[in-house]
C-alpha atoms as a PDB file:
ATOM      1  CA  MET A   1      27.760 -13.195  34.065  1.00  0.00           C
ATOM      2  CA  SER A   2      26.875 -10.408  36.453  1.00  0.00           C
ATOM      3  CA  PHE A   3      24.622  -7.431  35.895  1.00  0.00           C
ATOM      4  CA  SER A   4      24.865  -3.979  37.408  1.00  0.00           C
ATOM      5  CA  ALA A   5      21.105  -3.562  37.417  1.00  0.00           C
ATOM      6  CA  ALA A   6      19.092  -4.304  40.543  1.00  0.00           C
ATOM      7  CA  PRO A   7      17.646  -7.820  40.618  1.00  0.00           C
ATOM      8  CA  ARG A   8      14.270  -8.115  38.904  1.00  0.00           C
ATOM      9  CA  ASP A   9      11.711 -10.799  38.370  1.00  0.00           C
ATOM     10  CA  PHE A  10      12.456 -12.472  35.038  1.00  0.00           C
ATOM     11  CA  ASP A  11      10.829 -15.207  33.133  1.00  0.00           C
ATOM     12  CA  GLY A  12      13.339 -17.765  31.923  1.00  0.00           C
ATOM     13  CA  ASP A  13      13.526 -16.421  28.364  1.00  0.00           C
ATOM     14  CA  SER A  14      14.248 -12.835  29.385  1.00  0.00           C
ATOM     15  CA  ARG A  15      16.980 -13.894  31.805  1.00  0.00           C
ATOM     16  CA  TRP A  16      18.540 -16.140  29.161  1.00  0.00           C
ATOM     17  CA  GLU A  17      18.470 -13.320  26.580  1.00  0.00           C
ATOM     18  CA  GLU A  18      20.103 -10.899  28.995  1.00  0.00           C
ATOM     19  CA  GLU A  19      22.860 -13.377  29.772  1.00  0.00           C
ATOM     20  CA  ARG A  20      23.400 -14.343  26.142  1.00  0.00           C
ATOM     21  CA  PHE A  21      23.312 -10.869  24.585  1.00  0.00           C
ATOM     22  CA  GLY A  22      24.632  -8.853  27.525  1.00  0.00           C
ATOM     23  CA  VAL A  23      21.570  -6.634  27.827  1.00  0.00           C
ATOM     24  CA  ALA A  24      21.239  -5.494  31.422  1.00  0.00           C
ATOM     25  CA  ARG A  25      18.096  -3.416  31.066  1.00  0.00           C
ATOM     26  CA  SER A  26      15.058  -3.591  28.862  1.00  0.00           C
ATOM     27  CA  ARG A  27      15.051  -1.105  26.026  1.00  0.00           C
ATOM     28  CA  ALA A  28      12.202   1.313  25.538  1.00  0.00           C
ATOM     29  CA  SER A  29       9.651   0.001  23.067  1.00  0.00           C
ATOM     30  CA  ILE A  30       8.825   1.878  19.915  1.00  0.00           C
ATOM     31  CA  THR A  31       5.219   2.237  18.870  1.00  0.00           C
ATOM     32  CA  MET A  32       4.647   2.617  15.159  1.00  0.00           C
ATOM     33  CA  ALA A  33       1.361   3.242  13.404  1.00  0.00           C
ATOM     34  CA  PHE A  34       0.602   2.846   9.727  1.00  0.00           C
ATOM     35  CA  GLY A  35      -2.251   4.127   7.629  1.00  0.00           C
ATOM     36  CA  GLN A  36      -3.244   4.971   4.107  1.00  0.00           C
ATOM     37  CA  GLY A  37      -4.451   8.000   2.250  1.00  0.00           C
ATOM     38  CA  VAL A  38      -6.195   7.689  -1.101  1.00  0.00           C
ATOM     39  CA  LEU A  39      -6.664  10.423  -3.685  1.00  0.00           C
ATOM     40  CA  LEU A  40      -9.293   9.561  -6.306  1.00  0.00           C
ATOM     41  CA  THR A  41      -9.453  11.881  -9.310  1.00  0.00           C
ATOM     42  CA  THR A  42     -11.848  12.205 -12.198  1.00  0.00           C
ATOM     43  CA  ARG A  43     -12.521  14.953 -14.689  1.00  0.00           C
ATOM     44  CA  GLY A  44     -12.993  18.163 -12.731  1.00  0.00           C
ATOM     45  CA  ALA A  45     -13.092  16.587  -9.256  1.00  0.00           C
ATOM     46  CA  SER A  46     -10.912  14.830  -6.723  1.00  0.00           C
ATOM     47  CA  TYR A  47     -11.658  13.093  -3.445  1.00  0.00           C
ATOM     48  CA  ALA A  48      -9.100  12.657  -0.654  1.00  0.00           C
ATOM     49  CA  PHE A  49      -9.608  10.145   2.166  1.00  0.00           C
ATOM     50  CA  GLN A  50      -7.495   8.662   4.962  1.00  0.00           C
ATOM     51  CA  ASN A  51      -8.206   5.668   7.189  1.00  0.00           C
ATOM     52  CA  PHE A  52      -6.288   6.378  10.404  1.00  0.00           C
ATOM     53  CA  ASN A  53      -7.535   9.611  12.044  1.00  0.00           C
ATOM     54  CA  VAL A  54     -11.157   9.329  13.139  1.00  0.00           C
ATOM     55  CA  GLY A  55     -10.904  12.777  14.765  1.00  0.00           C
ATOM     56  CA  GLY A  56     -11.153  14.695  11.505  1.00  0.00           C
ATOM     57  CA  PRO A  57      -9.234  15.737   8.416  1.00  0.00           C
ATOM     58  CA  THR A  58      -5.492  15.129   8.299  1.00  0.00           C
ATOM     59  CA  ARG A  59      -2.963  16.994   6.207  1.00  0.00           C
ATOM     60  CA  ILE A  60      -0.768  14.726   4.039  1.00  0.00           C
ATOM     61  CA  ASP A  61       2.272  15.917   2.086  1.00  0.00           C
ATOM     62  CA  MET A  62       2.133  14.543  -1.469  1.00  0.00           C
ATOM     63  CA  GLY A  63       5.628  15.357  -2.658  1.00  0.00           C
ATOM     64  CA  GLY A  64       5.732  19.116  -2.218  1.00  0.00           C
ATOM     65  CA  LYS A  65       1.978  19.673  -2.201  1.00  0.00           C
ATOM     66  CA  SER A  66      -0.122  19.021   0.856  1.00  0.00           C
ATOM     67  CA  ARG A  67      -3.842  18.522   1.165  1.00  0.00           C
ATOM     68  CA  ASN A  68      -6.476  17.696   3.779  1.00  0.00           C
ATOM     69  CA  PHE A  69      -7.709  14.095   3.668  1.00  0.00           C
ATOM     70  CA  ASN A  70     -11.082  13.379   5.304  1.00  0.00           C
ATOM     71  CA  PHE A  71     -11.675  10.207   7.311  1.00  0.00           C
ATOM     72  CA  LEU A  72     -13.253   7.244   5.502  1.00  0.00           C
ATOM     73  CA  PRO A  73     -13.030   3.737   6.953  1.00  0.00           C
ATOM     74  CA  PHE A  74     -11.432   1.731   4.153  1.00  0.00           C
ATOM     75  CA  THR A  75      -8.952  -1.073   3.732  1.00  0.00           C
ATOM     76  CA  TYR A  76      -6.261  -1.292   1.111  1.00  0.00           C
ATOM     77  CA  THR A  77      -4.796  -4.647   0.109  1.00  0.00           C
ATOM     78  CA  GLY A  78      -2.877  -6.463  -2.548  1.00  0.00           C
ATOM     79  CA  VAL A  79       0.291  -4.569  -3.431  1.00  0.00           C
ATOM     80  CA  SER A  80       2.826  -7.023  -4.785  1.00  0.00           C
ATOM     81  CA  LEU A  81       5.146  -7.548  -7.685  1.00  0.00           C
ATOM     82  CA  SER A  82       5.396 -10.571  -9.910  1.00  0.00           C
ATOM     83  CA  ARG A  83       8.721 -12.122 -10.866  1.00  0.00           C
ATOM     84  CA  SER A  84       8.763 -10.060 -14.046  1.00  0.00           C
ATOM     85  CA  GLY A  85       8.252  -6.828 -12.074  1.00  0.00           C
ATOM     86  CA  ASP A  86       4.609  -6.295 -13.010  1.00  0.00           C
ATOM     87  CA  ASN A  87       2.330  -4.823 -10.396  1.00  0.00           C
ATOM     88  CA  VAL A  88      -0.597  -6.947  -9.285  1.00  0.00           C
ATOM     89  CA  SER A  89      -3.926  -5.177  -8.976  1.00  0.00           C
ATOM     90  CA  THR A  90      -4.896  -3.839  -5.573  1.00  0.00           C
ATOM     91  CA  GLU A  91      -8.240  -3.324  -3.887  1.00  0.00           C
ATOM     92  CA  LEU A  92      -9.905  -0.600  -1.874  1.00  0.00           C
ATOM     93  CA  ALA A  93     -12.823  -1.744   0.271  1.00  0.00           C
ATOM     94  CA  VAL A  94     -15.276   0.732   1.826  1.00  0.00           C
ATOM     95  CA  PRO A  95     -18.434   0.030   3.846  1.00  0.00           C
ATOM     96  CA  ASN A  96     -21.473  -0.829   1.722  1.00  0.00           C
ATOM     97  CA  THR A  97     -23.997   1.984   2.135  1.00  0.00           C
ATOM     98  CA  GLU A  98     -26.507   3.773  -0.063  1.00  0.00           C
ATOM     99  CA  LEU A  99     -23.906   6.531  -0.523  1.00  0.00           C
ATOM    100  CA  THR A 100     -20.946   4.365  -1.504  1.00  0.00           C
ATOM    101  CA  ARG A 101     -22.612   2.147  -4.130  1.00  0.00           C
ATOM    102  CA  PRO A 102     -23.426   4.954  -6.640  1.00  0.00           C
ATOM    103  CA  TRP A 103     -20.083   6.610  -5.943  1.00  0.00           C
ATOM    104  CA  ALA A 104     -18.240   3.319  -6.642  1.00  0.00           C
ATOM    105  CA  LEU A 105     -20.230   2.749  -9.816  1.00  0.00           C
ATOM    106  CA  ASN A 106     -19.211   6.225 -11.055  1.00  0.00           C
ATOM    107  CA  ALA A 107     -15.562   5.429 -10.236  1.00  0.00           C
ATOM    108  CA  ILE A 108     -15.694   2.156 -12.210  1.00  0.00           C
ATOM    109  CA  GLU A 109     -17.557   3.522 -15.235  1.00  0.00           C
ATOM    110  CA  GLY A 110     -15.463   6.699 -15.301  1.00  0.00           C
ATOM    111  CA  GLY A 111     -12.114   4.922 -14.911  1.00  0.00           C
ATOM    112  CA  TRP A 112     -11.081   7.172 -12.035  1.00  0.00           C
ATOM    113  CA  LEU A 113      -7.413   7.406 -11.185  1.00  0.00           C
ATOM    114  CA  GLY A 114      -6.421   6.381  -7.663  1.00  0.00           C
ATOM    115  CA  LYS A 115      -3.239   7.339  -5.866  1.00  0.00           C
ATOM    116  CA  VAL A 116      -2.666   5.490  -2.579  1.00  0.00           C
ATOM    117  CA  PHE A 117      -0.182   6.789  -0.021  1.00  0.00           C
ATOM    118  CA  ASN A 118       1.124   4.240   2.510  1.00  0.00           C
ATOM    119  CA  LEU A 119       2.069   6.237   5.574  1.00  0.00           C
ATOM    120  CA  GLU A 120       3.950   5.952   8.828  1.00  0.00           C
ATOM    121  CA  VAL A 121       1.938   7.962  11.357  1.00  0.00           C
ATOM    122  CA  ASP A 122       2.893   9.462  14.709  1.00  0.00           C
ATOM    123  CA  CYS A 123       0.563   7.916  17.317  1.00  0.00           C
ATOM    124  CA  ASN A 124       0.308  11.201  19.238  1.00  0.00           C
ATOM    125  CA  ASP A 125      -0.175  13.534  16.258  1.00  0.00           C
ATOM    126  CA  ALA A 126      -1.822  12.178  13.085  1.00  0.00           C
ATOM    127  CA  SER A 127      -0.743  15.246  11.098  1.00  0.00           C
ATOM    128  CA  ASN A 128       2.849  14.125  11.688  1.00  0.00           C
ATOM    129  CA  ASN A 129       3.017  11.465   8.966  1.00  0.00           C
ATOM    130  CA  ARG A 130       5.525  10.343   6.374  1.00  0.00           C
ATOM    131  CA  VAL A 131       4.825   8.767   2.975  1.00  0.00           C
ATOM    132  CA  MET A 132       6.679   5.456   2.687  1.00  0.00           C
ATOM    133  CA  TYR A 133       5.278   4.219  -0.638  1.00  0.00           C
ATOM    134  CA  THR A 134       2.897   5.512  -3.281  1.00  0.00           C
ATOM    135  CA  TYR A 135       0.841   3.331  -5.626  1.00  0.00           C
ATOM    136  CA  VAL A 136      -0.947   4.746  -8.674  1.00  0.00           C
ATOM    137  CA  GLY A 137      -3.693   2.777 -10.386  1.00  0.00           C
ATOM    138  CA  GLN A 138      -6.877   3.134 -12.372  1.00  0.00           C
ATOM    139  CA  VAL A 139     -10.229   1.903 -11.115  1.00  0.00           C
ATOM    140  CA  THR A 140     -11.020  -0.870 -13.590  1.00  0.00           C
ATOM    141  CA  ALA A 141     -13.499  -3.119 -11.801  1.00  0.00           C
ATOM    142  CA  GLY A 142     -15.425  -3.513  -8.612  1.00  0.00           C
ATOM    143  CA  GLY A 143     -18.460  -4.874  -6.899  1.00  0.00           C
ATOM    144  CA  TRP A 144     -20.124  -5.237  -3.551  1.00  0.00           C
ATOM    145  CA  ASP A 145     -21.456  -7.730  -1.065  1.00  0.00           C
ATOM    146  CA  GLN A 146     -23.466  -7.196   2.133  1.00  0.00           C
ATOM    147  CA  ALA A 147     -20.556  -5.641   4.019  1.00  0.00           C
ATOM    148  CA  ALA A 148     -18.247  -3.876   1.568  1.00  0.00           C
ATOM    149  CA  VAL A 149     -17.929  -2.108  -1.755  1.00  0.00           C
ATOM    150  CA  ILE A 150     -14.676  -3.097  -3.450  1.00  0.00           C
ATOM    151  CA  LEU A 151     -12.820  -1.069  -6.070  1.00  0.00           C
ATOM    152  CA  LYS A 152     -10.049  -2.817  -7.997  1.00  0.00           C
ATOM    153  CA  LEU A 153      -7.082  -0.642  -8.977  1.00  0.00           C
ATOM    154  CA  ASN A 154      -4.738  -1.711 -11.762  1.00  0.00           C
ATOM    155  CA  SER A 155      -1.360  -0.153 -12.275  1.00  0.00           C
ATOM    156  CA  VAL A 156      -1.076   2.454 -14.975  1.00  0.00           C
ATOM    157  CA  LEU A 157       1.685   0.297 -16.475  1.00  0.00           C
ATOM    158  CA  ASP A 158      -0.693  -2.684 -16.559  1.00  0.00           C
ATOM    159  CA  ALA A 159      -3.151  -0.595 -18.580  1.00  0.00           C
ATOM    160  CA  VAL A 160      -0.409   0.200 -21.109  1.00  0.00           C
ATOM    161  CA  GLU A 161       0.717  -3.416 -21.187  1.00  0.00           C
ATOM    162  CA  ALA A 162      -2.795  -4.612 -21.996  1.00  0.00           C
ATOM    163  CA  GLU A 163      -2.673  -2.628 -25.253  1.00  0.00           C
ATOM    164  CA  VAL A 164       0.868  -3.617 -26.244  1.00  0.00           C
ATOM    165  CA  PRO A 165       1.494  -7.195 -27.432  1.00  0.00           C
ATOM    166  CA  TRP A 166       4.320  -9.145 -25.813  1.00  0.00           C
ATOM    167  CA  GLN A 167       7.531  -9.361 -27.804  1.00  0.00           C
ATOM    168  CA  THR A 168       8.547 -12.811 -28.993  1.00  0.00           C
ATOM    169  CA  LEU A 169      11.946 -13.912 -30.188  1.00  0.00           C
ATOM    170  CA  ASN A 170      11.983 -14.779 -33.859  1.00  0.00           C
ATOM    171  CA  ARG A 171      14.351 -14.544 -36.780  1.00  0.00           C
ATOM    172  CA  ASN A 172      12.866 -11.211 -37.939  1.00  0.00           C
ATOM    173  CA  ASN A 173      13.716  -9.261 -34.788  1.00  0.00           C
ATOM    174  CA  VAL A 174      16.876 -10.999 -33.441  1.00  0.00           C
ATOM    175  CA  GLY A 175      18.420 -12.833 -36.396  1.00  0.00           C
ATOM    176  CA  ARG A 176      19.389 -16.494 -36.372  1.00  0.00           C
ATOM    177  CA  LEU A 177      18.295 -18.291 -33.238  1.00  0.00           C
ATOM    178  CA  PRO A 178      20.566 -20.899 -31.630  1.00  0.00           C
ATOM    179  CA  VAL A 179      19.440 -24.506 -31.864  1.00  0.00           C
ATOM    180  CA  SER A 180      21.829 -25.870 -29.227  1.00  0.00           C
ATOM    181  CA  SER A 181      21.036 -26.190 -25.526  1.00  0.00           C
ATOM    182  CA  ASN A 182      24.546 -24.977 -24.640  1.00  0.00           C
ATOM    183  CA  VAL A 183      23.531 -21.322 -24.688  1.00  0.00           C
ATOM    184  CA  ARG A 184      24.338 -19.176 -21.632  1.00  0.00           C
ATOM    185  CA  LEU A 185      23.005 -15.737 -20.926  1.00  0.00           C
END
């Protein structure tokens, strides 16, 4: 297989890939950056933070409304779904300081509502960002160690589910139940 490009130094893998896939030149790489914004609300107040632009506040579009989010170094982890589609609780971790401990305690005791925006961010302009996914949860628990204060967010649907008993199949709500194992759904 011949290439029209000028000869270059290749490691064996690159040369093999070019021969196998017919790629004569390397493609430009794409740099992607991701970050989060969190909006914590309580009665009469709201706090907006982002974890990707150290240079100052960043404007984030929240579905038609936009707002400035101040920088706060935090991590956000734990978004997943179970097999039944239930959200699993997530966590926000902020540095443990004399300012964050009382603030976190207020969030836990007050049951603050948290809305987390997972964003794709332009590396050259942090105000150029796009919301990819939004998670809404209530602060239900938390704690701290020497390094971090952790706030646990549970889905709003999980809070409803905790108050509603699971349905069970019985003769009162579905009629006669089959006793054979040859039942197909």
